[in-house]
C-alpha atoms as a PDB file:
ATOM      1  CA  MET A   1      44.525   0.142 -33.687  1.00  0.00           C
ATOM      2  CA  GLY A   2      42.498   3.087 -32.191  1.00  0.00           C
ATOM      3  CA  LYS A   3      43.838   6.709 -30.793  1.00  0.00           C
ATOM      4  CA  ARG A   4      44.594   6.577 -27.321  1.00  0.00           C
ATOM      5  CA  LEU A   5      41.851   8.624 -25.730  1.00  0.00           C
ATOM      6  CA  LEU A   6      42.724  11.535 -23.073  1.00  0.00           C
ATOM      7  CA  PRO A   7      40.288  12.629 -20.508  1.00  0.00           C
ATOM      8  CA  PRO A   8      38.326  15.578 -20.848  1.00  0.00           C
ATOM      9  CA  SER A   9      39.901  19.040 -19.706  1.00  0.00           C
ATOM     10  CA  ASP A  10      37.616  20.805 -17.034  1.00  0.00           C
ATOM     11  CA  GLY A  11      38.486  23.923 -17.988  1.00  0.00           C
ATOM     12  CA  GLY A  12      40.243  25.065 -15.120  1.00  0.00           C
ATOM     13  CA  GLY A  13      43.730  23.494 -15.441  1.00  0.00           C
ATOM     14  CA  ASP A  14      42.823  21.668 -12.267  1.00  0.00           C
ATOM     15  CA  HIS A  15      44.537  17.761 -12.234  1.00  0.00           C
ATOM     16  CA  ILE A  16      41.569  15.273 -13.072  1.00  0.00           C
ATOM     17  CA  GLU A  17      42.500  11.893 -11.305  1.00  0.00           C
ATOM     18  CA  PRO A  18      42.211   8.689 -13.205  1.00  0.00           C
ATOM     19  CA  VAL A  19      39.848   6.066 -10.860  1.00  0.00           C
ATOM     20  CA  ASP A  20      39.285   2.370 -11.077  1.00  0.00           C
ATOM     21  CA  LEU A  21      35.815   1.714 -12.381  1.00  0.00           C
ATOM     22  CA  LYS A  22      35.327  -1.214 -10.822  1.00  0.00           C
ATOM     23  CA  LYS A  23      36.179   0.799  -7.308  1.00  0.00           C
ATOM     24  CA  ALA A  24      34.096   3.989  -8.309  1.00  0.00           C
ATOM     25  CA  LEU A  25      30.660   1.801  -9.061  1.00  0.00           C
ATOM     26  CA  GLU A  26      31.025   0.052  -5.758  1.00  0.00           C
ATOM     27  CA  GLU A  27      31.354   2.903  -3.581  1.00  0.00           C
ATOM     28  CA  ARG A  28      28.997   5.189  -5.726  1.00  0.00           C
ATOM     29  CA  TYR A  29      26.152   2.182  -5.865  1.00  0.00           C
ATOM     30  CA  LEU A  30      26.673   1.672  -1.852  1.00  0.00           C
ATOM     31  CA  ALA A  31      25.516   5.192  -1.623  1.00  0.00           C
ATOM     32  CA  TYR A  32      22.753   5.213  -3.853  1.00  0.00           C
ATOM     33  CA  ALA A  33      21.463   1.834  -2.295  1.00  0.00           C
ATOM     34  CA  LEU A  34      21.694   3.150   1.398  1.00  0.00           C
ATOM     35  CA  SER A  35      19.803   6.290   0.169  1.00  0.00           C
ATOM     36  CA  THR A  36      17.452   4.294  -1.242  1.00  0.00           C
ATOM     37  CA  ILE A  37      17.008   2.101   1.867  1.00  0.00           C
ATOM     38  CA  MET A  38      17.110   4.843   4.148  1.00  0.00           C
ATOM     39  CA  HIS A  39      15.131   7.658   2.626  1.00  0.00           C
ATOM     40  CA  ARG A  40      12.612   6.527  -0.093  1.00  0.00           C
ATOM     41  CA  ALA A  41      11.803   2.682   0.254  1.00  0.00           C
ATOM     42  CA  LEU A  42      11.229   1.256   3.364  1.00  0.00           C
ATOM     43  CA  PRO A  43       8.548   2.790   5.976  1.00  0.00           C
ATOM     44  CA  ASP A  44      10.018   3.494   9.984  1.00  0.00           C
ATOM     45  CA  VAL A  45       9.241   1.786  12.353  1.00  0.00           C
ATOM     46  CA  ARG A  46       7.776   4.398  14.554  1.00  0.00           C
ATOM     47  CA  ASP A  47       5.030   6.112  12.425  1.00  0.00           C
ATOM     48  CA  GLY A  48       4.835   3.266   9.530  1.00  0.00           C
ATOM     49  CA  LEU A  49       5.659   5.835   6.682  1.00  0.00           C
ATOM     50  CA  LYS A  50       8.063   6.459   4.218  1.00  0.00           C
ATOM     51  CA  PRO A  51       9.629  10.077   3.764  1.00  0.00           C
ATOM     52  CA  VAL A  52       7.201  11.029   1.179  1.00  0.00           C
ATOM     53  CA  HIS A  53       4.316  10.312   3.296  1.00  0.00           C
ATOM     54  CA  ARG A  54       5.496  11.667   6.310  1.00  0.00           C
ATOM     55  CA  ARG A  55       6.307  15.131   4.594  1.00  0.00           C
ATOM     56  CA  ILE A  56       2.926  15.188   3.239  1.00  0.00           C
ATOM     57  CA  MET A  57       1.518  15.085   6.341  1.00  0.00           C
ATOM     58  CA  HIS A  58       3.571  17.577   7.559  1.00  0.00           C
ATOM     59  CA  ALA A  59       2.798  19.597   4.913  1.00  0.00           C
ATOM     60  CA  MET A  60      -0.774  19.390   5.170  1.00  0.00           C
ATOM     61  CA  ARG A  61      -0.656  20.305   8.676  1.00  0.00           C
ATOM     62  CA  LEU A  62       1.346  23.263   8.123  1.00  0.00           C
ATOM     63  CA  LEU A  63      -1.657  24.231   5.626  1.00  0.00           C
ATOM     64  CA  ARG A  64      -3.764  23.505   8.060  1.00  0.00           C
ATOM     65  CA  LEU A  65      -6.318  21.123   6.145  1.00  0.00           C
ATOM     66  CA  ASN A  66      -7.370  19.460   9.677  1.00  0.00           C
ATOM     67  CA  PRO A  67     -10.420  17.182   9.015  1.00  0.00           C
ATOM     68  CA  ASP A  68     -13.101  19.805  10.432  1.00  0.00           C
ATOM     69  CA  GLN A  69     -11.242  22.352   7.768  1.00  0.00           C
ATOM     70  CA  GLY A  70     -12.049  22.823   4.172  1.00  0.00           C
ATOM     71  CA  PHE A  71      -9.899  21.364   1.235  1.00  0.00           C
ATOM     72  CA  ALA A  72      -7.076  22.226  -0.745  1.00  0.00           C
ATOM     73  CA  LYS A  73      -5.965  21.963  -4.027  1.00  0.00           C
ATOM     74  CA  CYS A  74      -3.713  18.820  -4.802  1.00  0.00           C
ATOM     75  CA  ALA A  75      -1.344  20.300  -6.906  1.00  0.00           C
ATOM     76  CA  ARG A  76      -1.334  23.176  -3.791  1.00  0.00           C
ATOM     77  CA  ILE A  77      -0.608  19.985  -1.557  1.00  0.00           C
ATOM     78  CA  VAL A  78       2.370  19.051  -4.211  1.00  0.00           C
ATOM     79  CA  GLY A  79       3.456  22.035  -4.239  1.00  0.00           C
ATOM     80  CA  GLU A  80       4.138  22.771  -0.615  1.00  0.00           C
ATOM     81  CA  VAL A  81       5.859  19.366  -0.322  1.00  0.00           C
ATOM     82  CA  MET A  82       7.922  19.533  -3.356  1.00  0.00           C
ATOM     83  CA  GLY A  83       9.182  22.716  -2.699  1.00  0.00           C
ATOM     84  CA  LYS A  84       9.928  22.648   0.989  1.00  0.00           C
ATOM     85  CA  PHE A  85      10.681  19.026   2.164  1.00  0.00           C
ATOM     86  CA  HIS A  86      10.535  16.637  -0.779  1.00  0.00           C
ATOM     87  CA  PRO A  87      12.908  18.219  -4.207  1.00  0.00           C
ATOM     88  CA  HIS A  88      11.211  14.817  -6.567  1.00  0.00           C
ATOM     89  CA  GLY A  89       9.143  14.551  -8.934  1.00  0.00           C
ATOM     90  CA  ASP A  90       5.505  15.990  -8.229  1.00  0.00           C
ATOM     91  CA  GLN A  91       3.796  13.022 -10.327  1.00  0.00           C
ATOM     92  CA  SER A  92       5.596  10.503  -7.764  1.00  0.00           C
ATOM     93  CA  ILE A  93       4.368  13.029  -4.662  1.00  0.00           C
ATOM     94  CA  TYR A  94       0.945  12.545  -6.359  1.00  0.00           C
ATOM     95  CA  ASP A  95       0.658   9.123  -6.480  1.00  0.00           C
ATOM     96  CA  ALA A  96       1.835   8.755  -2.800  1.00  0.00           C
ATOM     97  CA  LEU A  97      -0.797  11.532  -1.443  1.00  0.00           C
ATOM     98  CA  VAL A  98      -4.042   9.587  -4.024  1.00  0.00           C
ATOM     99  CA  ARG A  99      -3.395   6.693  -2.064  1.00  0.00           C
ATOM    100  CA  LEU A 100      -3.309   7.485   1.416  1.00  0.00           C
ATOM    101  CA  ALA A 101      -6.362   8.330  -0.057  1.00  0.00           C
ATOM    102  CA  GLN A 102      -8.084   5.552  -1.495  1.00  0.00           C
ATOM    103  CA  ASP A 103     -10.231   3.049   1.191  1.00  0.00           C
ATOM    104  CA  PHE A 104      -9.420   0.112  -1.205  1.00  0.00           C
ATOM    105  CA  SER A 105      -5.572   0.248  -0.721  1.00  0.00           C
ATOM    106  CA  MET A 106      -5.462   1.503   2.825  1.00  0.00           C
ATOM    107  CA  ARG A 107      -7.248  -0.009   5.691  1.00  0.00           C
ATOM    108  CA  TYR A 108      -7.312   3.626   7.714  1.00  0.00           C
ATOM    109  CA  PRO A 109      -7.154   6.487   4.814  1.00  0.00           C
ATOM    110  CA  LEU A 110      -4.828   9.204   6.027  1.00  0.00           C
ATOM    111  CA  VAL A 111      -6.274  11.397   3.923  1.00  0.00           C
ATOM    112  CA  ASP A 112      -9.567  12.490   2.895  1.00  0.00           C
ATOM    113  CA  GLY A 113     -10.116  13.215  -0.781  1.00  0.00           C
ATOM    114  CA  GLN A 114     -12.581  15.228  -3.033  1.00  0.00           C
ATOM    115  CA  GLY A 115     -12.638  13.900  -6.674  1.00  0.00           C
ATOM    116  CA  ASN A 116     -11.681  11.530  -8.767  1.00  0.00           C
ATOM    117  CA  PHE A 117      -8.990   9.135  -6.651  1.00  0.00           C
ATOM    118  CA  GLY A 118      -9.246   6.212  -8.993  1.00  0.00           C
ATOM    119  CA  ASN A 119     -10.998   2.603  -7.724  1.00  0.00           C
ATOM    120  CA  ILE A 120     -10.381  -1.062  -8.122  1.00  0.00           C
ATOM    121  CA  ASP A 121     -10.818  -1.160 -11.478  1.00  0.00           C
ATOM    122  CA  GLY A 122      -7.418   0.262 -11.978  1.00  0.00           C
ATOM    123  CA  ASP A 123      -8.713   3.416 -13.537  1.00  0.00           C
ATOM    124  CA  ASN A 124      -6.362   6.643 -12.478  1.00  0.00           C
ATOM    125  CA  ALA A 125      -7.062   9.378 -10.339  1.00  0.00           C
ATOM    126  CA  ALA A 126      -7.989  12.736 -11.882  1.00  0.00           C
ATOM    127  CA  ALA A 127      -5.033  15.400 -12.713  1.00  0.00           C
ATOM    128  CA  MET A 128      -4.007  17.195  -9.288  1.00  0.00           C
ATOM    129  CA  ARG A 129      -5.284  20.485 -10.243  1.00  0.00           C
ATOM    130  CA  TYR A 130      -8.853  18.476 -10.212  1.00  0.00           C
ATOM    131  CA  THR A 131      -8.884  16.845  -6.720  1.00  0.00           C
ATOM    132  CA  GLU A 132      -8.962  18.234  -3.703  1.00  0.00           C
ATOM    133  CA  ALA A 133      -7.830  17.081  -0.060  1.00  0.00           C
ATOM    134  CA  ARG A 134      -7.575  17.205   3.796  1.00  0.00           C
ATOM    135  CA  MET A 135      -6.939  15.101   6.485  1.00  0.00           C
ATOM    136  CA  THR A 136      -8.108  12.355   8.229  1.00  0.00           C
ATOM    137  CA  ASP A 137      -8.912  12.194  11.684  1.00  0.00           C
ATOM    138  CA  VAL A 138      -6.477   8.855  11.768  1.00  0.00           C
ATOM    139  CA  ALA A 139      -3.834  11.290  10.391  1.00  0.00           C
ATOM    140  CA  THR A 140      -4.368  13.840  13.208  1.00  0.00           C
ATOM    141  CA  GLU A 141      -3.494  11.094  15.670  1.00  0.00           C
ATOM    142  CA  LEU A 142      -0.317  10.283  14.254  1.00  0.00           C
ATOM    143  CA  LEU A 143       0.203  14.156  14.700  1.00  0.00           C
ATOM    144  CA  ALA A 144      -0.649  14.837  17.754  1.00  0.00           C
ATOM    145  CA  GLY A 145       2.064  15.857  20.227  1.00  0.00           C
ATOM    146  CA  ILE A 146       3.984  17.217  17.058  1.00  0.00           C
ATOM    147  CA  THR A 147       3.952  20.610  18.346  1.00  0.00           C
ATOM    148  CA  GLU A 148       4.859  19.518  22.341  1.00  0.00           C
ATOM    149  CA  ASP A 149       8.909  18.677  21.628  1.00  0.00           C
ATOM    150  CA  ALA A 150       7.728  15.148  21.213  1.00  0.00           C
ATOM    151  CA  VAL A 151      10.219  14.323  18.305  1.00  0.00           C
ATOM    152  CA  ASP A 152      13.187  15.370  16.782  1.00  0.00           C
ATOM    153  CA  TYR A 153      13.196  17.914  13.798  1.00  0.00           C
ATOM    154  CA  ARG A 154      15.865  17.943  11.280  1.00  0.00           C
ATOM    155  CA  PRO A 155      17.118  20.410   7.846  1.00  0.00           C
ATOM    156  CA  THR A 156      15.204  19.865   5.062  1.00  0.00           C
ATOM    157  CA  TYR A 157      17.269  20.119   1.804  1.00  0.00           C
ATOM    158  CA  ASN A 158      18.074  22.962   1.587  1.00  0.00           C
ATOM    159  CA  GLU A 159      18.568  23.892   4.991  1.00  0.00           C
ATOM    160  CA  GLU A 160      15.712  26.468   4.789  1.00  0.00           C
ATOM    161  CA  ASP A 161      13.090  24.647   7.026  1.00  0.00           C
ATOM    162  CA  GLU A 162      13.028  21.668   9.397  1.00  0.00           C
ATOM    163  CA  GLU A 163      11.227  18.593   9.287  1.00  0.00           C
ATOM    164  CA  PRO A 164       9.919  15.908  11.711  1.00  0.00           C
ATOM    165  CA  VAL A 165      12.333  12.890  11.809  1.00  0.00           C
ATOM    166  CA  VAL A 166       9.210  10.655  12.573  1.00  0.00           C
ATOM    167  CA  LEU A 167       5.533  11.751  13.494  1.00  0.00           C
ATOM    168  CA  PRO A 168       4.892  11.410  17.314  1.00  0.00           C
ATOM    169  CA  GLY A 169       0.985   9.677  17.046  1.00  0.00           C
ATOM    170  CA  ALA A 170       0.809   6.223  19.374  1.00  0.00           C
ATOM    171  CA  PHE A 171      -1.528   5.543  16.217  1.00  0.00           C
ATOM    172  CA  PRO A 172      -0.207   1.629  14.969  1.00  0.00           C
ATOM    173  CA  ASN A 173       0.182   2.510  11.576  1.00  0.00           C
ATOM    174  CA  LEU A 174       2.686   0.461  10.616  1.00  0.00           C
ATOM    175  CA  LEU A 175       0.691  -2.657  11.195  1.00  0.00           C
ATOM    176  CA  ALA A 176      -2.646  -0.894  10.922  1.00  0.00           C
ATOM    177  CA  ASN A 177      -2.422   0.363   7.043  1.00  0.00           C
ATOM    178  CA  GLY A 178       0.858  -2.038   6.142  1.00  0.00           C
ATOM    179  CA  SER A 179       3.153  -1.167   3.661  1.00  0.00           C
ATOM    180  CA  SER A 180       5.126  -1.944   0.597  1.00  0.00           C
ATOM    181  CA  GLY A 181       8.553  -0.974  -1.380  1.00  0.00           C
ATOM    182  CA  ILE A 182      11.007  -2.054  -3.054  1.00  0.00           C
ATOM    183  CA  ALA A 183      14.691  -0.990  -2.260  1.00  0.00           C
ATOM    184  CA  VAL A 184      17.886  -2.145  -3.384  1.00  0.00           C
ATOM    185  CA  GLY A 185      18.831  -5.366  -2.438  1.00  0.00           C
ATOM    186  CA  MET A 186      15.773  -5.475   0.054  1.00  0.00           C
ATOM    187  CA  ALA A 187      11.794  -5.255  -0.165  1.00  0.00           C
ATOM    188  CA  THR A 188       8.913  -4.965   2.295  1.00  0.00           C
ATOM    189  CA  SER A 189       5.614  -6.385   1.845  1.00  0.00           C
ATOM    190  CA  ILE A 190       3.555  -5.775   5.221  1.00  0.00           C
ATOM    191  CA  PRO A 191      -0.218  -6.644   5.426  1.00  0.00           C
ATOM    192  CA  PRO A 192      -2.770  -4.348   6.739  1.00  0.00           C
ATOM    193  CA  HIS A 193      -4.722  -5.003  10.386  1.00  0.00           C
ATOM    194  CA  ASN A 194      -7.527  -4.277  12.533  1.00  0.00           C
ATOM    195  CA  ALA A 195      -6.145  -0.985  14.564  1.00  0.00           C
ATOM    196  CA  ALA A 196      -8.561  -2.535  17.708  1.00  0.00           C
ATOM    197  CA  GLU A 197      -6.801  -6.216  17.337  1.00  0.00           C
ATOM    198  CA  LEU A 198      -3.577  -4.340  17.495  1.00  0.00           C
ATOM    199  CA  CYS A 199      -4.232  -2.491  20.652  1.00  0.00           C
ATOM    200  CA  ASP A 200      -5.635  -5.548  22.657  1.00  0.00           C
ATOM    201  CA  ALA A 201      -2.062  -7.141  21.471  1.00  0.00           C
ATOM    202  CA  ALA A 202       0.113  -4.419  22.175  1.00  0.00           C
ATOM    203  CA  LEU A 203      -1.987  -4.171  25.999  1.00  0.00           C
ATOM    204  CA  HIS A 204      -1.307  -8.015  26.371  1.00  0.00           C
ATOM    205  CA  LEU A 205       2.309  -7.402  25.816  1.00  0.00           C
ATOM    206  CA  ILE A 206       2.803  -4.698  28.188  1.00  0.00           C
ATOM    207  CA  GLU A 207       1.545  -6.854  31.144  1.00  0.00           C
ATOM    208  CA  ASN A 208       3.279  -9.773  29.423  1.00  0.00           C
ATOM    209  CA  PRO A 209       6.693  -8.770  27.284  1.00  0.00           C
ATOM    210  CA  ASP A 210       7.321 -12.876  26.775  1.00  0.00           C
ATOM    211  CA  ALA A 211       4.278 -13.280  25.232  1.00  0.00           C
ATOM    212  CA  PRO A 212       4.771 -15.878  22.527  1.00  0.00           C
ATOM    213  CA  VAL A 213       3.501 -15.177  19.189  1.00  0.00           C
ATOM    214  CA  THR A 214       0.606 -17.903  19.491  1.00  0.00           C
ATOM    215  CA  ALA A 215      -0.885 -15.822  22.290  1.00  0.00           C
ATOM    216  CA  LEU A 216      -0.648 -12.855  20.421  1.00  0.00           C
ATOM    217  CA  MET A 217      -2.623 -14.151  17.681  1.00  0.00           C
ATOM    218  CA  ASP A 218      -5.355 -14.688  20.092  1.00  0.00           C
ATOM    219  CA  PHE A 219      -5.993 -11.518  19.660  1.00  0.00           C
ATOM    220  CA  VAL A 220      -4.586 -10.861  16.169  1.00  0.00           C
ATOM    221  CA  GLN A 221      -5.575 -13.506  14.060  1.00  0.00           C
ATOM    222  CA  GLY A 222      -4.750 -12.319  11.041  1.00  0.00           C
ATOM    223  CA  PRO A 223      -4.107  -9.153   8.514  1.00  0.00           C
ATOM    224  CA  ASP A 224      -7.617  -7.121   8.217  1.00  0.00           C
ATOM    225  CA  PHE A 225      -7.840  -6.422   4.165  1.00  0.00           C
ATOM    226  CA  PRO A 226      -9.529  -2.900   3.116  1.00  0.00           C
ATOM    227  CA  THR A 227     -10.831  -5.359   0.674  1.00  0.00           C
ATOM    228  CA  GLY A 228     -12.700  -7.941   2.835  1.00  0.00           C
ATOM    229  CA  GLY A 229     -12.442 -11.231   1.025  1.00  0.00           C
ATOM    230  CA  ILE A 230     -11.603 -14.112   3.258  1.00  0.00           C
ATOM    231  CA  VAL A 231      -7.966 -15.961   4.494  1.00  0.00           C
ATOM    232  CA  LEU A 232      -7.455 -19.224   4.111  1.00  0.00           C
ATOM    233  CA  GLY A 233      -5.015 -21.601   7.012  1.00  0.00           C
ATOM    234  CA  ARG A 234      -2.992 -19.982  10.285  1.00  0.00           C
ATOM    235  CA  SER A 235       0.267 -21.153   8.778  1.00  0.00           C
ATOM    236  CA  GLY A 236       0.955 -18.476   6.354  1.00  0.00           C
ATOM    237  CA  ILE A 237       0.135 -15.793   8.898  1.00  0.00           C
ATOM    238  CA  TYR A 238       2.461 -17.541  11.768  1.00  0.00           C
ATOM    239  CA  SER A 239       5.144 -17.721   9.125  1.00  0.00           C
ATOM    240  CA  ALA A 240       4.857 -14.352   8.839  1.00  0.00           C
ATOM    241  CA  TYR A 241       4.247 -13.198  12.431  1.00  0.00           C
ATOM    242  CA  SER A 242       7.276 -15.336  13.663  1.00  0.00           C
ATOM    243  CA  THR A 243       9.839 -15.164  11.215  1.00  0.00           C
ATOM    244  CA  GLY A 244       8.783 -11.971   9.205  1.00  0.00           C
ATOM    245  CA  ARG A 245       7.967 -14.046   5.979  1.00  0.00           C
ATOM    246  CA  GLY A 246       4.918 -15.978   4.790  1.00  0.00           C
ATOM    247  CA  SER A 247       2.770 -16.728   2.117  1.00  0.00           C
ATOM    248  CA  ILE A 248      -0.833 -15.204   3.063  1.00  0.00           C
ATOM    249  CA  VAL A 249      -3.579 -17.304   0.801  1.00  0.00           C
ATOM    250  CA  MET A 250      -6.522 -14.954   0.323  1.00  0.00           C
ATOM    251  CA  ARG A 251     -10.218 -15.423  -1.338  1.00  0.00           C
ATOM    252  CA  GLY A 252     -13.263 -13.281  -2.615  1.00  0.00           C
ATOM    253  CA  LYS A 253     -16.061 -13.686  -0.683  1.00  0.00           C
ATOM    254  CA  VAL A 254     -18.972 -15.403  -2.546  1.00  0.00           C
ATOM    255  CA  ASN A 255     -22.519 -16.213  -2.251  1.00  0.00           C
ATOM    256  CA  ILE A 256     -24.147 -18.800  -4.145  1.00  0.00           C
ATOM    257  CA  GLU A 257     -27.961 -17.820  -5.148  1.00  0.00           C
ATOM    258  CA  GLN A 258     -30.499 -19.465  -6.366  1.00  0.00           C
ATOM    259  CA  ARG A 259     -32.237 -18.315  -9.932  1.00  0.00           C
ATOM    260  CA  GLY A 260     -35.433 -19.527 -10.529  1.00  0.00           C
ATOM    261  CA  ASN A 261     -36.130 -23.081 -10.406  1.00  0.00           C
ATOM    262  CA  ASP A 262     -32.993 -25.175 -11.904  1.00  0.00           C
ATOM    263  CA  ARG A 263     -30.007 -22.356 -12.031  1.00  0.00           C
ATOM    264  CA  GLU A 264     -27.940 -20.693  -9.702  1.00  0.00           C
ATOM    265  CA  SER A 265     -25.705 -17.567  -9.593  1.00  0.00           C
ATOM    266  CA  ILE A 266     -22.631 -16.870  -8.032  1.00  0.00           C
ATOM    267  CA  ILE A 267     -22.285 -13.640  -6.548  1.00  0.00           C
ATOM    268  CA  ILE A 268     -18.820 -11.885  -5.241  1.00  0.00           C
ATOM    269  CA  THR A 269     -19.420  -9.440  -3.069  1.00  0.00           C
ATOM    270  CA  GLU A 270     -15.678  -8.861  -1.773  1.00  0.00           C
ATOM    271  CA  VAL A 271     -12.454  -9.611  -3.727  1.00  0.00           C
ATOM    272  CA  PRO A 272      -8.653 -10.084  -2.683  1.00  0.00           C
ATOM    273  CA  TYR A 273      -6.224  -7.430  -1.150  1.00  0.00           C
ATOM    274  CA  GLN A 274      -4.689  -5.612  -4.425  1.00  0.00           C
ATOM    275  CA  VAL A 275      -7.268  -7.514  -6.818  1.00  0.00           C
ATOM    276  CA  ASN A 276      -7.993  -5.136 -10.320  1.00  0.00           C
ATOM    277  CA  LYS A 277     -11.886  -6.475 -10.247  1.00  0.00           C
ATOM    278  CA  ALA A 278     -11.979  -5.205 -13.861  1.00  0.00           C
ATOM    279  CA  SER A 279      -8.681  -7.594 -14.792  1.00  0.00           C
ATOM    280  CA  MET A 280     -10.271 -10.215 -12.750  1.00  0.00           C
ATOM    281  CA  ILE A 281     -13.925 -10.338 -14.852  1.00  0.00           C
ATOM    282  CA  GLU A 282     -11.970  -9.669 -17.859  1.00  0.00           C
ATOM    283  CA  LYS A 283      -9.891 -12.765 -16.696  1.00  0.00           C
ATOM    284  CA  MET A 284     -13.098 -15.011 -16.239  1.00  0.00           C
ATOM    285  CA  ALA A 285     -14.586 -13.881 -19.225  1.00  0.00           C
ATOM    286  CA  GLU A 286     -11.267 -15.194 -21.249  1.00  0.00           C
ATOM    287  CA  LEU A 287     -11.677 -18.610 -19.446  1.00  0.00           C
ATOM    288  CA  VAL A 288     -15.580 -18.573 -20.753  1.00  0.00           C
ATOM    289  CA  ARG A 289     -14.402 -17.838 -24.343  1.00  0.00           C
ATOM    290  CA  ASP A 290     -11.432 -20.323 -24.435  1.00  0.00           C
ATOM    291  CA  LYS A 291     -13.511 -23.009 -22.897  1.00  0.00           C
ATOM    292  CA  ARG A 292     -11.202 -23.582 -19.708  1.00  0.00           C
ATOM    293  CA  VAL A 293     -13.946 -22.747 -17.473  1.00  0.00           C
ATOM    294  CA  GLU A 294     -17.491 -24.540 -18.871  1.00  0.00           C
ATOM    295  CA  GLY A 295     -21.009 -23.593 -17.289  1.00  0.00           C
ATOM    296  CA  ILE A 296     -20.646 -19.551 -17.105  1.00  0.00           C
ATOM    297  CA  SER A 297     -23.884 -18.252 -19.235  1.00  0.00           C
ATOM    298  CA  ASP A 298     -23.275 -14.236 -18.360  1.00  0.00           C
ATOM    299  CA  ILE A 299     -20.754 -12.329 -16.266  1.00  0.00           C
ATOM    300  CA  ARG A 300     -21.621  -8.650 -15.175  1.00  0.00           C
ATOM    301  CA  ASP A 301     -20.512  -6.065 -12.443  1.00  0.00           C
ATOM    302  CA  GLU A 302     -23.344  -4.565 -10.796  1.00  0.00           C
ATOM    303  CA  SER A 303     -21.017  -2.832  -8.262  1.00  0.00           C
ATOM    304  CA  ASP A 304     -21.935   0.413  -7.260  1.00  0.00           C
ATOM    305  CA  ARG A 305     -20.932   3.324  -4.227  1.00  0.00           C
ATOM    306  CA  GLN A 306     -22.497   1.056  -1.907  1.00  0.00           C
ATOM    307  CA  GLY A 307     -19.988  -2.129  -2.677  1.00  0.00           C
ATOM    308  CA  TYR A 308     -19.028  -4.895  -4.904  1.00  0.00           C
ATOM    309  CA  ARG A 309     -21.189  -7.355  -6.666  1.00  0.00           C
ATOM    310  CA  VAL A 310     -20.015  -9.143  -9.508  1.00  0.00           C
ATOM    311  CA  VAL A 311     -22.857 -11.898 -10.759  1.00  0.00           C
ATOM    312  CA  ILE A 312     -21.913 -15.150 -12.855  1.00  0.00           C
ATOM    313  CA  GLU A 313     -25.021 -16.787 -14.166  1.00  0.00           C
ATOM    314  CA  LEU A 314     -25.016 -20.288 -14.604  1.00  0.00           C
ATOM    315  CA  LYS A 315     -26.349 -22.814 -16.854  1.00  0.00           C
ATOM    316  CA  ARG A 316     -28.852 -24.589 -15.967  1.00  0.00           C
ATOM    317  CA  ASP A 317     -26.647 -27.707 -15.678  1.00  0.00           C
ATOM    318  CA  ALA A 318     -23.622 -26.136 -13.995  1.00  0.00           C
ATOM    319  CA  VAL A 319     -22.991 -27.140 -10.247  1.00  0.00           C
ATOM    320  CA  ALA A 320     -21.945 -23.936  -8.854  1.00  0.00           C
ATOM    321  CA  ASP A 321     -19.172 -25.627  -6.210  1.00  0.00           C
ATOM    322  CA  VAL A 322     -17.434 -27.135  -9.224  1.00  0.00           C
ATOM    323  CA  VAL A 323     -17.105 -23.867 -11.292  1.00  0.00           C
ATOM    324  CA  LEU A 324     -16.457 -21.771  -8.140  1.00  0.00           C
ATOM    325  CA  ASN A 325     -13.063 -24.304  -7.583  1.00  0.00           C
ATOM    326  CA  GLN A 326     -12.673 -23.758 -11.405  1.00  0.00           C
ATOM    327  CA  LEU A 327     -12.389 -19.926 -11.084  1.00  0.00           C
ATOM    328  CA  TYR A 328     -10.481 -19.834  -7.727  1.00  0.00           C
ATOM    329  CA  ARG A 329      -7.656 -22.226  -9.787  1.00  0.00           C
ATOM    330  CA  PHE A 330      -7.363 -20.270 -12.626  1.00  0.00           C
ATOM    331  CA  THR A 331      -8.494 -16.691 -11.477  1.00  0.00           C
ATOM    332  CA  PRO A 332      -7.370 -13.585  -9.425  1.00  0.00           C
ATOM    333  CA  LEU A 333     -10.814 -14.483  -7.390  1.00  0.00           C
ATOM    334  CA  GLN A 334      -7.665 -17.112  -4.854  1.00  0.00           C
ATOM    335  CA  THR A 335      -4.194 -15.606  -4.717  1.00  0.00           C
ATOM    336  CA  SER A 336      -1.649 -14.677  -2.390  1.00  0.00           C
ATOM    337  CA  PHE A 337      -0.240 -12.110  -0.369  1.00  0.00           C
ATOM    338  CA  GLY A 338       3.453 -12.286   0.399  1.00  0.00           C
ATOM    339  CA  ALA A 339       4.164 -10.873   3.511  1.00  0.00           C
ATOM    340  CA  ASN A 340       7.782  -9.598   4.039  1.00  0.00           C
ATOM    341  CA  MET A 341       8.121  -7.604   7.259  1.00  0.00           C
ATOM    342  CA  VAL A 342      10.953  -5.357   6.925  1.00  0.00           C
ATOM    343  CA  ALA A 343      11.331  -1.252   8.445  1.00  0.00           C
ATOM    344  CA  LEU A 344      13.888   0.640   9.284  1.00  0.00           C
ATOM    345  CA  ASN A 345      14.200   0.556  13.319  1.00  0.00           C
END
């Protein structure tokens, strides 16, 4: 039989009180869960931002990184955020900053980036010592009125400074840019929308406070994804808007072009939201190699700064619509966005 273990001494002579492990775990995990939900993973319904994004915007304002001013190194911005407002890892802050600058992630980017901020093929951004950033016009709209006592302030983590509880701008950022995050016991996944449509719906709602979802959908017919694509059907959209949950089916935008007298090509000019273009092309090539999709003679990526262009050349006897339906079925050219609209009120 093993020797009975005694609790460690604290060296100061104070009494160490044994506690029930189950009770301690429940209490401390609850505290962790509330911290994750309230201060890390979920956006505020008023400005649509998580704490890290709000602190980035606030720090960039203090650094005077306005759209008409010069850029600053991202390392300088990250240092300001981490040192004064957000006592977490520098890489997580930089990752959040990078996403705010990506036009394929954000419908209305809040950060104007200079340098390599990654791409839709999954390539990572350059290190923060190389990239530079400043705010966009949309970000200044979110911050409008912050010097006019429009919002409350609270002490920072070390009580040496103050930070805004929420940003005051009237830009409908939560729905315009969407949000995603995983907390403890809950998650959020809100699709982006067209800001002009949201403003029209808001004006209608002011005049008609009891307007049903169907009436508002006359103004906002569905999500507006930054990478384009086509949304199939309205049932998933209606479910998301009326219940907060719904599955929205998306397809890439394609054109069928005639190549010679007896051959066709499928041209993909827009891809579904959050789909890695390089991985999608690799998946198509894998299906052709395994003969699960037949009729394709060549696949190449001709995308450039002007936009996306993936060319799929078909064999002489292939039917474009048949091949296209196979690609919809077996590749991310058709996928779904699981809406789960959760935010802090």
